[in-house]
PDB file of N, CA and C in Angstrom:
ATOM      1  N   UNK A   1       0.836  -1.186   0.000  1.00  0.00           N
ATOM      2  CA  UNK A   1       0.000   0.000   0.000  1.00  0.00           C
ATOM      3  C   UNK A   1       0.868   1.232   0.000  1.00  0.00           C
ATOM      4  N   UNK A   2       0.378   2.270  -0.608  1.00  0.00           N
ATOM      5  CA  UNK A   2       1.180   3.471  -0.717  1.00  0.00           C
ATOM      6  C   UNK A   2       0.801   4.557   0.259  1.00  0.00           C
ATOM      7  N   UNK A   3      -0.197   4.339   1.172  1.00  0.00           N
ATOM      8  CA  UNK A   3      -0.543   5.332   2.150  1.00  0.00           C
ATOM      9  C   UNK A   3      -1.421   6.450   1.629  1.00  0.00           C
ATOM     10  N   UNK A   4      -1.910   6.325   0.420  1.00  0.00           N
ATOM     11  CA  UNK A   4      -2.761   7.364  -0.155  1.00  0.00           C
ATOM     12  C   UNK A   4      -4.151   7.304   0.443  1.00  0.00           C
ATOM     13  N   UNK A   5      -5.000   8.207   0.026  1.00  0.00           N
ATOM     14  CA  UNK A   5      -6.321   8.365   0.616  1.00  0.00           C
ATOM     15  C   UNK A   5      -7.144   7.090   0.612  1.00  0.00           C
ATOM     16  N   UNK A   6      -6.976   6.236  -0.361  1.00  0.00           N
ATOM     17  CA  UNK A   6      -7.781   5.033  -0.437  1.00  0.00           C
ATOM     18  C   UNK A   6      -7.339   3.930   0.502  1.00  0.00           C
ATOM     19  N   UNK A   7      -6.216   4.108   1.163  1.00  0.00           N
ATOM     20  CA  UNK A   7      -5.715   3.062   2.044  1.00  0.00           C
ATOM     21  C   UNK A   7      -6.577   2.962   3.291  1.00  0.00           C
ATOM     22  N   UNK A   8      -6.937   1.754   3.638  1.00  0.00           N
ATOM     23  CA  UNK A   8      -7.733   1.515   4.841  1.00  0.00           C
ATOM     24  C   UNK A   8      -6.822   1.065   5.956  1.00  0.00           C
ATOM     25  N   UNK A   9      -7.137   1.468   7.184  1.00  0.00           N
ATOM     26  CA  UNK A   9      -6.329   0.975   8.287  1.00  0.00           C
ATOM     27  C   UNK A   9      -6.528  -0.519   8.450  1.00  0.00           C
ATOM     28  N   UNK A  10      -5.501  -1.232   8.831  1.00  0.00           N
ATOM     29  CA  UNK A  10      -5.587  -2.675   9.039  1.00  0.00           C
ATOM     30  C   UNK A  10      -6.105  -2.951  10.441  1.00  0.00           C
ATOM     31  N   UNK A  11      -6.385  -4.203  10.693  1.00  0.00           N
ATOM     32  CA  UNK A  11      -6.841  -4.604  12.021  1.00  0.00           C
ATOM     33  C   UNK A  11      -5.776  -4.241  13.051  1.00  0.00           C
ATOM     34  N   UNK A  12      -6.202  -3.903  14.226  1.00  0.00           N
ATOM     35  CA  UNK A  12      -5.281  -3.508  15.280  1.00  0.00           C
ATOM     36  C   UNK A  12      -5.230  -1.999  15.413  1.00  0.00           C
ATOM     37  N   UNK A  13      -4.258  -1.532  16.135  1.00  0.00           N
ATOM     38  CA  UNK A  13      -4.121  -0.099  16.384  1.00  0.00           C
ATOM     39  C   UNK A  13      -3.667   0.616  15.118  1.00  0.00           C
ATOM     40  N   UNK A  14      -4.103   1.852  15.005  1.00  0.00           N
ATOM     41  CA  UNK A  14      -3.765   2.671  13.850  1.00  0.00           C
ATOM     42  C   UNK A  14      -3.117   3.964  14.327  1.00  0.00           C
ATOM     43  N   UNK A  15      -2.150   4.434  13.552  1.00  0.00           N
ATOM     44  CA  UNK A  15      -1.486   5.696  13.854  1.00  0.00           C
ATOM     45  C   UNK A  15      -1.444   6.541  12.589  1.00  0.00           C
ATOM     46  N   UNK A  16      -1.328   7.837  12.781  1.00  0.00           N
ATOM     47  CA  UNK A  16      -1.148   8.771  11.677  1.00  0.00           C
ATOM     48  C   UNK A  16       0.341   9.064  11.570  1.00  0.00           C
ATOM     49  N   UNK A  17       0.934   8.698  10.455  1.00  0.00           N
ATOM     50  CA  UNK A  17       2.353   8.944  10.224  1.00  0.00           C
ATOM     51  C   UNK A  17       2.512  10.298   9.548  1.00  0.00           C
ATOM     52  N   UNK A  18       3.376  11.135  10.113  1.00  0.00           N
ATOM     53  CA  UNK A  18       3.653  12.460   9.560  1.00  0.00           C
ATOM     54  C   UNK A  18       5.053  12.445   8.948  1.00  0.00           C
ATOM     55  N   UNK A  19       5.133  12.721   7.658  1.00  0.00           N
ATOM     56  CA  UNK A  19       6.426  12.824   6.981  1.00  0.00           C
ATOM     57  C   UNK A  19       6.847  14.295   7.046  1.00  0.00           C
ATOM     58  N   UNK A  20       7.645  14.614   8.049  1.00  0.00           N
ATOM     59  CA  UNK A  20       8.031  16.003   8.253  1.00  0.00           C
ATOM     60  C   UNK A  20       8.899  16.548   7.128  1.00  0.00           C
ATOM     61  N   UNK A  21       9.511  15.700   6.316  1.00  0.00           N
ATOM     62  CA  UNK A  21      10.290  16.204   5.191  1.00  0.00           C
ATOM     63  C   UNK A  21       9.387  16.742   4.088  1.00  0.00           C
ATOM     64  N   UNK A  22       8.141  16.279   4.032  1.00  0.00           N
ATOM     65  CA  UNK A  22       7.177  16.780   3.043  1.00  0.00           C
ATOM     66  C   UNK A  22       6.307  17.906   3.602  1.00  0.00           C
ATOM     67  N   UNK A  23       6.027  17.840   4.904  1.00  0.00           N
ATOM     68  CA  UNK A  23       5.073  18.756   5.534  1.00  0.00           C
ATOM     69  C   UNK A  23       5.530  20.210   5.384  1.00  0.00           C
ATOM     70  N   UNK A  24       4.564  21.084   5.145  1.00  0.00           N
ATOM     71  CA  UNK A  24       4.831  22.519   5.038  1.00  0.00           C
ATOM     72  C   UNK A  24       4.125  23.301   6.150  1.00  0.00           C
ATOM     73  N   UNK A  25       3.536  22.585   7.112  1.00  0.00           N
ATOM     74  CA  UNK A  25       2.938  23.228   8.275  1.00  0.00           C
ATOM     75  C   UNK A  25       1.702  24.052   7.974  1.00  0.00           C
ATOM     76  N   UNK A  26       0.892  23.620   7.038  1.00  0.00           N
ATOM     77  CA  UNK A  26      -0.315  24.375   6.689  1.00  0.00           C
ATOM     78  C   UNK A  26      -1.429  24.223   7.708  1.00  0.00           C
ATOM     79  N   UNK A  27      -1.421  23.124   8.467  1.00  0.00           N
ATOM     80  CA  UNK A  27      -2.307  22.974   9.605  1.00  0.00           C
ATOM     81  C   UNK A  27      -3.660  22.345   9.383  1.00  0.00           C
ATOM     82  N   UNK A  28      -3.973  21.927   8.176  1.00  0.00           N
ATOM     83  CA  UNK A  28      -5.273  21.310   7.948  1.00  0.00           C
ATOM     84  C   UNK A  28      -5.448  20.072   8.817  1.00  0.00           C
ATOM     85  N   UNK A  29      -4.427  19.259   8.942  1.00  0.00           N
ATOM     86  CA  UNK A  29      -4.529  18.044   9.754  1.00  0.00           C
ATOM     87  C   UNK A  29      -4.777  18.373  11.220  1.00  0.00           C
ATOM     88  N   UNK A  30      -4.192  19.444  11.708  1.00  0.00           N
ATOM     89  CA  UNK A  30      -4.398  19.799  13.109  1.00  0.00           C
ATOM     90  C   UNK A  30      -5.819  20.302  13.346  1.00  0.00           C
ATOM     91  N   UNK A  31      -6.444  20.834  12.330  1.00  0.00           N
ATOM     92  CA  UNK A  31      -7.847  21.242  12.453  1.00  0.00           C
ATOM     93  C   UNK A  31      -8.760  20.025  12.437  1.00  0.00           C
ATOM     94  N   UNK A  32      -8.469  19.063  11.587  1.00  0.00           N
ATOM     95  CA  UNK A  32      -9.298  17.864  11.487  1.00  0.00           C
ATOM     96  C   UNK A  32      -9.121  16.927  12.681  1.00  0.00           C
ATOM     97  N   UNK A  33      -7.953  16.929  13.275  1.00  0.00           N
ATOM     98  CA  UNK A  33      -7.642  16.032  14.397  1.00  0.00           C
ATOM     99  C   UNK A  33      -7.207  16.836  15.631  1.00  0.00           C
ATOM    100  N   UNK A  34      -7.998  17.828  15.976  1.00  0.00           N
ATOM    101  CA  UNK A  34      -7.636  18.747  17.060  1.00  0.00           C
ATOM    102  C   UNK A  34      -7.438  18.049  18.405  1.00  0.00           C
ATOM    103  N   UNK A  35      -8.091  16.920  18.622  1.00  0.00           N
ATOM    104  CA  UNK A  35      -7.919  16.218  19.897  1.00  0.00           C
ATOM    105  C   UNK A  35      -6.623  15.411  19.948  1.00  0.00           C
ATOM    106  N   UNK A  36      -6.025  15.136  18.799  1.00  0.00           N
ATOM    107  CA  UNK A  36      -4.792  14.336  18.744  1.00  0.00           C
ATOM    108  C   UNK A  36      -3.567  15.149  18.354  1.00  0.00           C
ATOM    109  N   UNK A  37      -3.759  16.219  17.560  1.00  0.00           N
ATOM    110  CA  UNK A  37      -2.622  16.979  17.039  1.00  0.00           C
ATOM    111  C   UNK A  37      -2.618  18.415  17.525  1.00  0.00           C
ATOM    112  N   UNK A  38      -1.433  18.922  17.729  1.00  0.00           N
ATOM    113  CA  UNK A  38      -1.208  20.332  18.024  1.00  0.00           C
ATOM    114  C   UNK A  38      -0.170  20.805  17.006  1.00  0.00           C
ATOM    115  N   UNK A  39       0.167  22.082  17.049  1.00  0.00           N
ATOM    116  CA  UNK A  39       1.200  22.602  16.150  1.00  0.00           C
ATOM    117  C   UNK A  39       2.381  23.096  16.977  1.00  0.00           C
ATOM    118  N   UNK A  40       3.573  22.809  16.477  1.00  0.00           N
ATOM    119  CA  UNK A  40       4.753  23.316  17.177  1.00  0.00           C
ATOM    120  C   UNK A  40       4.954  24.793  16.826  1.00  0.00           C
ATOM    121  N   UNK A  41       6.026  25.366  17.312  1.00  0.00           N
ATOM    122  CA  UNK A  41       6.261  26.803  17.102  1.00  0.00           C
ATOM    123  C   UNK A  41       6.446  27.190  15.636  1.00  0.00           C
ATOM    124  N   UNK A  42       6.702  26.219  14.759  1.00  0.00           N
ATOM    125  CA  UNK A  42       6.858  26.481  13.327  1.00  0.00           C
ATOM    126  C   UNK A  42       5.625  26.086  12.524  1.00  0.00           C
ATOM    127  N   UNK A  43       4.616  25.575  13.215  1.00  0.00           N
ATOM    128  CA  UNK A  43       3.371  25.207  12.549  1.00  0.00           C
ATOM    129  C   UNK A  43       3.258  23.746  12.152  1.00  0.00           C
ATOM    130  N   UNK A  44       4.264  22.938  12.466  1.00  0.00           N
ATOM    131  CA  UNK A  44       4.235  21.531  12.093  1.00  0.00           C
ATOM    132  C   UNK A  44       3.410  20.721  13.085  1.00  0.00           C
ATOM    133  N   UNK A  45       2.722  19.676  12.613  1.00  0.00           N
ATOM    134  CA  UNK A  45       1.886  18.876  13.504  1.00  0.00           C
ATOM    135  C   UNK A  45       2.719  18.018  14.451  1.00  0.00           C
ATOM    136  N   UNK A  46       2.300  18.029  15.712  1.00  0.00           N
ATOM    137  CA  UNK A  46       2.913  17.177  16.722  1.00  0.00           C
ATOM    138  C   UNK A  46       1.791  16.547  17.540  1.00  0.00           C
ATOM    139  N   UNK A  47       2.081  15.442  18.174  1.00  0.00           N
ATOM    140  CA  UNK A  47       1.083  14.785  19.009  1.00  0.00           C
ATOM    141  C   UNK A  47       0.698  15.707  20.159  1.00  0.00           C
ATOM    142  N   UNK A  48      -0.583  15.811  20.407  1.00  0.00           N
ATOM    143  CA  UNK A  48      -1.078  16.681  21.474  1.00  0.00           C
ATOM    144  C   UNK A  48      -0.550  16.239  22.834  1.00  0.00           C
ATOM    145  N   UNK A  49      -0.228  14.966  22.981  1.00  0.00           N
ATOM    146  CA  UNK A  49       0.280  14.474  24.264  1.00  0.00           C
ATOM    147  C   UNK A  49       1.719  14.911  24.527  1.00  0.00           C
ATOM    148  N   UNK A  50       2.283  15.708  23.628  1.00  0.00           N
ATOM    149  CA  UNK A  50       3.620  16.245  23.824  1.00  0.00           C
ATOM    150  C   UNK A  50       4.725  15.454  23.162  1.00  0.00           C
ATOM    151  N   UNK A  51       4.408  14.277  22.649  1.00  0.00           N
ATOM    152  CA  UNK A  51       5.421  13.470  21.991  1.00  0.00           C
ATOM    153  C   UNK A  51       5.784  14.027  20.623  1.00  0.00           C
ATOM    154  N   UNK A  52       7.049  14.012  20.312  1.00  0.00           N
ATOM    155  CA  UNK A  52       7.490  14.464  18.991  1.00  0.00           C
ATOM    156  C   UNK A  52       7.778  13.253  18.115  1.00  0.00           C
ATOM    157  N   UNK A  53       6.785  12.406  18.037  1.00  0.00           N
ATOM    158  CA  UNK A  53       6.906  11.185  17.253  1.00  0.00           C
ATOM    159  C   UNK A  53       6.297  11.387  15.876  1.00  0.00           C
ATOM    160  N   UNK A  54       6.775  10.662  14.899  1.00  0.00           N
ATOM    161  CA  UNK A  54       6.208  10.727  13.551  1.00  0.00           C
ATOM    162  C   UNK A  54       4.907   9.958  13.461  1.00  0.00           C
ATOM    163  N   UNK A  55       4.682   9.012  14.365  1.00  0.00           N
ATOM    164  CA  UNK A  55       3.476   8.186  14.349  1.00  0.00           C
ATOM    165  C   UNK A  55       2.605   8.540  15.549  1.00  0.00           C
ATOM    166  N   UNK A  56       1.510   9.225  15.276  1.00  0.00           N
ATOM    167  CA  UNK A  56       0.598   9.686  16.315  1.00  0.00           C
ATOM    168  C   UNK A  56      -0.496   8.636  16.491  1.00  0.00           C
ATOM    169  N   UNK A  57      -0.585   8.010  17.672  1.00  0.00           N
ATOM    170  CA  UNK A  57      -1.609   6.990  17.897  1.00  0.00           C
ATOM    171  C   UNK A  57      -3.010   7.577  17.764  1.00  0.00           C
ATOM    172  N   UNK A  58      -3.908   6.792  17.177  1.00  0.00           N
ATOM    173  CA  UNK A  58      -5.288   7.231  16.970  1.00  0.00           C
ATOM    174  C   UNK A  58      -6.249   6.330  17.739  1.00  0.00           C
ATOM    175  N   UNK A  59      -7.283   6.937  18.284  1.00  0.00           N
ATOM    176  CA  UNK A  59      -8.389   6.168  18.840  1.00  0.00           C
ATOM    177  C   UNK A  59      -9.250   5.723  17.661  1.00  0.00           C
ATOM    178  N   UNK A  60      -9.995   4.632  17.805  1.00  0.00           N
ATOM    179  CA  UNK A  60     -10.868   4.201  16.705  1.00  0.00           C
ATOM    180  C   UNK A  60     -11.804   5.309  16.216  1.00  0.00           C
ATOM    181  N   UNK A  61     -12.231   6.169  17.126  1.00  0.00           N
ATOM    182  CA  UNK A  61     -13.126   7.265  16.740  1.00  0.00           C
ATOM    183  C   UNK A  61     -12.425   8.352  15.927  1.00  0.00           C
ATOM    184  N   UNK A  62     -11.088   8.338  15.873  1.00  0.00           N
ATOM    185  CA  UNK A  62     -10.318   9.335  15.115  1.00  0.00           C
ATOM    186  C   UNK A  62      -9.999   8.900  13.693  1.00  0.00           C
ATOM    187  N   UNK A  63     -10.218   7.627  13.376  1.00  0.00           N
ATOM    188  CA  UNK A  63      -9.756   7.090  12.092  1.00  0.00           C
ATOM    189  C   UNK A  63     -10.420   7.780  10.902  1.00  0.00           C
ATOM    190  N   UNK A  64     -11.715   8.056  10.961  1.00  0.00           N
ATOM    191  CA  UNK A  64     -12.391   8.716   9.829  1.00  0.00           C
ATOM    192  C   UNK A  64     -11.808  10.107   9.586  1.00  0.00           C
ATOM    193  N   UNK A  65     -11.584  10.879  10.648  1.00  0.00           N
ATOM    194  CA  UNK A  65     -10.991  12.213  10.496  1.00  0.00           C
ATOM    195  C   UNK A  65      -9.562  12.103   9.976  1.00  0.00           C
ATOM    196  N   UNK A  66      -8.836  11.079  10.419  1.00  0.00           N
ATOM    197  CA  UNK A  66      -7.472  10.878   9.941  1.00  0.00           C
ATOM    198  C   UNK A  66      -7.459  10.525   8.455  1.00  0.00           C
ATOM    199  N   UNK A  67      -8.416   9.716   8.020  1.00  0.00           N
ATOM    200  CA  UNK A  67      -8.519   9.400   6.590  1.00  0.00           C
ATOM    201  C   UNK A  67      -8.785  10.668   5.790  1.00  0.00           C
ATOM    202  N   UNK A  68      -9.629  11.559   6.309  1.00  0.00           N
ATOM    203  CA  UNK A  68      -9.874  12.844   5.641  1.00  0.00           C
ATOM    204  C   UNK A  68      -8.599  13.670   5.579  1.00  0.00           C
ATOM    205  N   UNK A  69      -7.851  13.698   6.675  1.00  0.00           N
ATOM    206  CA  UNK A  69      -6.603  14.464   6.699  1.00  0.00           C
ATOM    207  C   UNK A  69      -5.612  13.929   5.673  1.00  0.00           C
ATOM    208  N   UNK A  70      -5.498  12.612   5.571  1.00  0.00           N
ATOM    209  CA  UNK A  70      -4.608  12.002   4.572  1.00  0.00           C
ATOM    210  C   UNK A  70      -5.047  12.407   3.169  1.00  0.00           C
ATOM    211  N   UNK A  71      -6.347  12.329   2.909  1.00  0.00           N
ATOM    212  CA  UNK A  71      -6.866  12.646   1.576  1.00  0.00           C
ATOM    213  C   UNK A  71      -6.697  14.125   1.219  1.00  0.00           C
ATOM    214  N   UNK A  72      -6.773  14.988   2.211  1.00  0.00           N
ATOM    215  CA  UNK A  72      -6.749  16.430   1.940  1.00  0.00           C
ATOM    216  C   UNK A  72      -5.380  17.087   2.076  1.00  0.00           C
ATOM    217  N   UNK A  73      -4.395  16.361   2.580  1.00  0.00           N
ATOM    218  CA  UNK A  73      -3.078  16.970   2.756  1.00  0.00           C
ATOM    219  C   UNK A  73      -2.539  17.421   1.396  1.00  0.00           C
ATOM    220  N   UNK A  74      -2.281  18.718   1.233  1.00  0.00           N
ATOM    221  CA  UNK A  74      -1.863  19.215  -0.083  1.00  0.00           C
ATOM    222  C   UNK A  74      -0.480  18.750  -0.531  1.00  0.00           C
ATOM    223  N   UNK A  75       0.337  18.261   0.393  1.00  0.00           N
ATOM    224  CA  UNK A  75       1.683  17.809   0.023  1.00  0.00           C
ATOM    225  C   UNK A  75       1.899  16.322   0.298  1.00  0.00           C
ATOM    226  N   UNK A  76       0.807  15.597   0.540  1.00  0.00           N
ATOM    227  CA  UNK A  76       0.852  14.148   0.766  1.00  0.00           C
ATOM    228  C   UNK A  76       1.865  13.764   1.843  1.00  0.00           C
ATOM    229  N   UNK A  77       1.824  14.485   2.965  1.00  0.00           N
ATOM    230  CA  UNK A  77       2.759  14.248   4.053  1.00  0.00           C
ATOM    231  C   UNK A  77       2.204  13.312   5.125  1.00  0.00           C
ATOM    232  N   UNK A  78       0.994  12.791   4.910  1.00  0.00           N
ATOM    233  CA  UNK A  78       0.351  11.955   5.917  1.00  0.00           C
ATOM    234  C   UNK A  78      -0.004  10.598   5.340  1.00  0.00           C
ATOM    235  N   UNK A  79       0.006   9.592   6.219  1.00  0.00           N
ATOM    236  CA  UNK A  79      -0.507   8.280   5.852  1.00  0.00           C
ATOM    237  C   UNK A  79      -0.916   7.541   7.125  1.00  0.00           C
ATOM    238  N   UNK A  80      -1.814   6.604   6.985  1.00  0.00           N
ATOM    239  CA  UNK A  80      -2.219   5.779   8.104  1.00  0.00           C
ATOM    240  C   UNK A  80      -1.345   4.538   8.130  1.00  0.00           C
ATOM    241  N   UNK A  81      -0.921   4.158   9.325  1.00  0.00           N
ATOM    242  CA  UNK A  81      -0.087   2.973   9.499  1.00  0.00           C
ATOM    243  C   UNK A  81      -0.658   2.130  10.625  1.00  0.00           C
ATOM    244  N   UNK A  82      -0.472   0.832  10.506  1.00  0.00           N
ATOM    245  CA  UNK A  82      -0.861  -0.086  11.577  1.00  0.00           C
ATOM    246  C   UNK A  82       0.283  -0.181  12.570  1.00  0.00           C
ATOM    247  N   UNK A  83      -0.088  -0.258  13.815  1.00  0.00           N
ATOM    248  CA  UNK A  83       0.909  -0.459  14.854  1.00  0.00           C
ATOM    249  C   UNK A  83       0.634  -1.800  15.495  1.00  0.00           C
ATOM    250  N   UNK A  84       1.662  -2.502  15.841  1.00  0.00           N
ATOM    251  CA  UNK A  84       1.475  -3.812  16.469  1.00  0.00           C
ATOM    252  C   UNK A  84       1.341  -3.640  17.958  1.00  0.00           C
ATOM    253  N   UNK A  85       0.588  -4.518  18.554  1.00  0.00           N
ATOM    254  CA  UNK A  85       0.361  -4.469  19.994  1.00  0.00           C
ATOM    255  C   UNK A  85       1.588  -4.920  20.769  1.00  0.00           C
ATOM    256  N   UNK A  86       2.561  -5.438  20.116  1.00  0.00           N
ATOM    257  CA  UNK A  86       3.768  -5.811  20.839  1.00  0.00           C
ATOM    258  C   UNK A  86       4.410  -6.943  20.207  1.00  0.00           C
TER     259      UNK A  86
END
């Protein structure tokens, strides 16, 4: 899978992967996922819990908004990824 808008999350936990090398800090994703994402001092998305990780964990209720964010990102800097439980 290429992580594009049509990609569905797999069974198990899902995270939003942020490719900071592509991101331009426009903030659309932070508006769509305000409970999970915040913006750093330069406008780039970071996990609201304070972690500066590229993979932001999502609750099942966040997956639809995350799919919208992936589809609408103007620079294709987002994708959904499965995370293993361990």
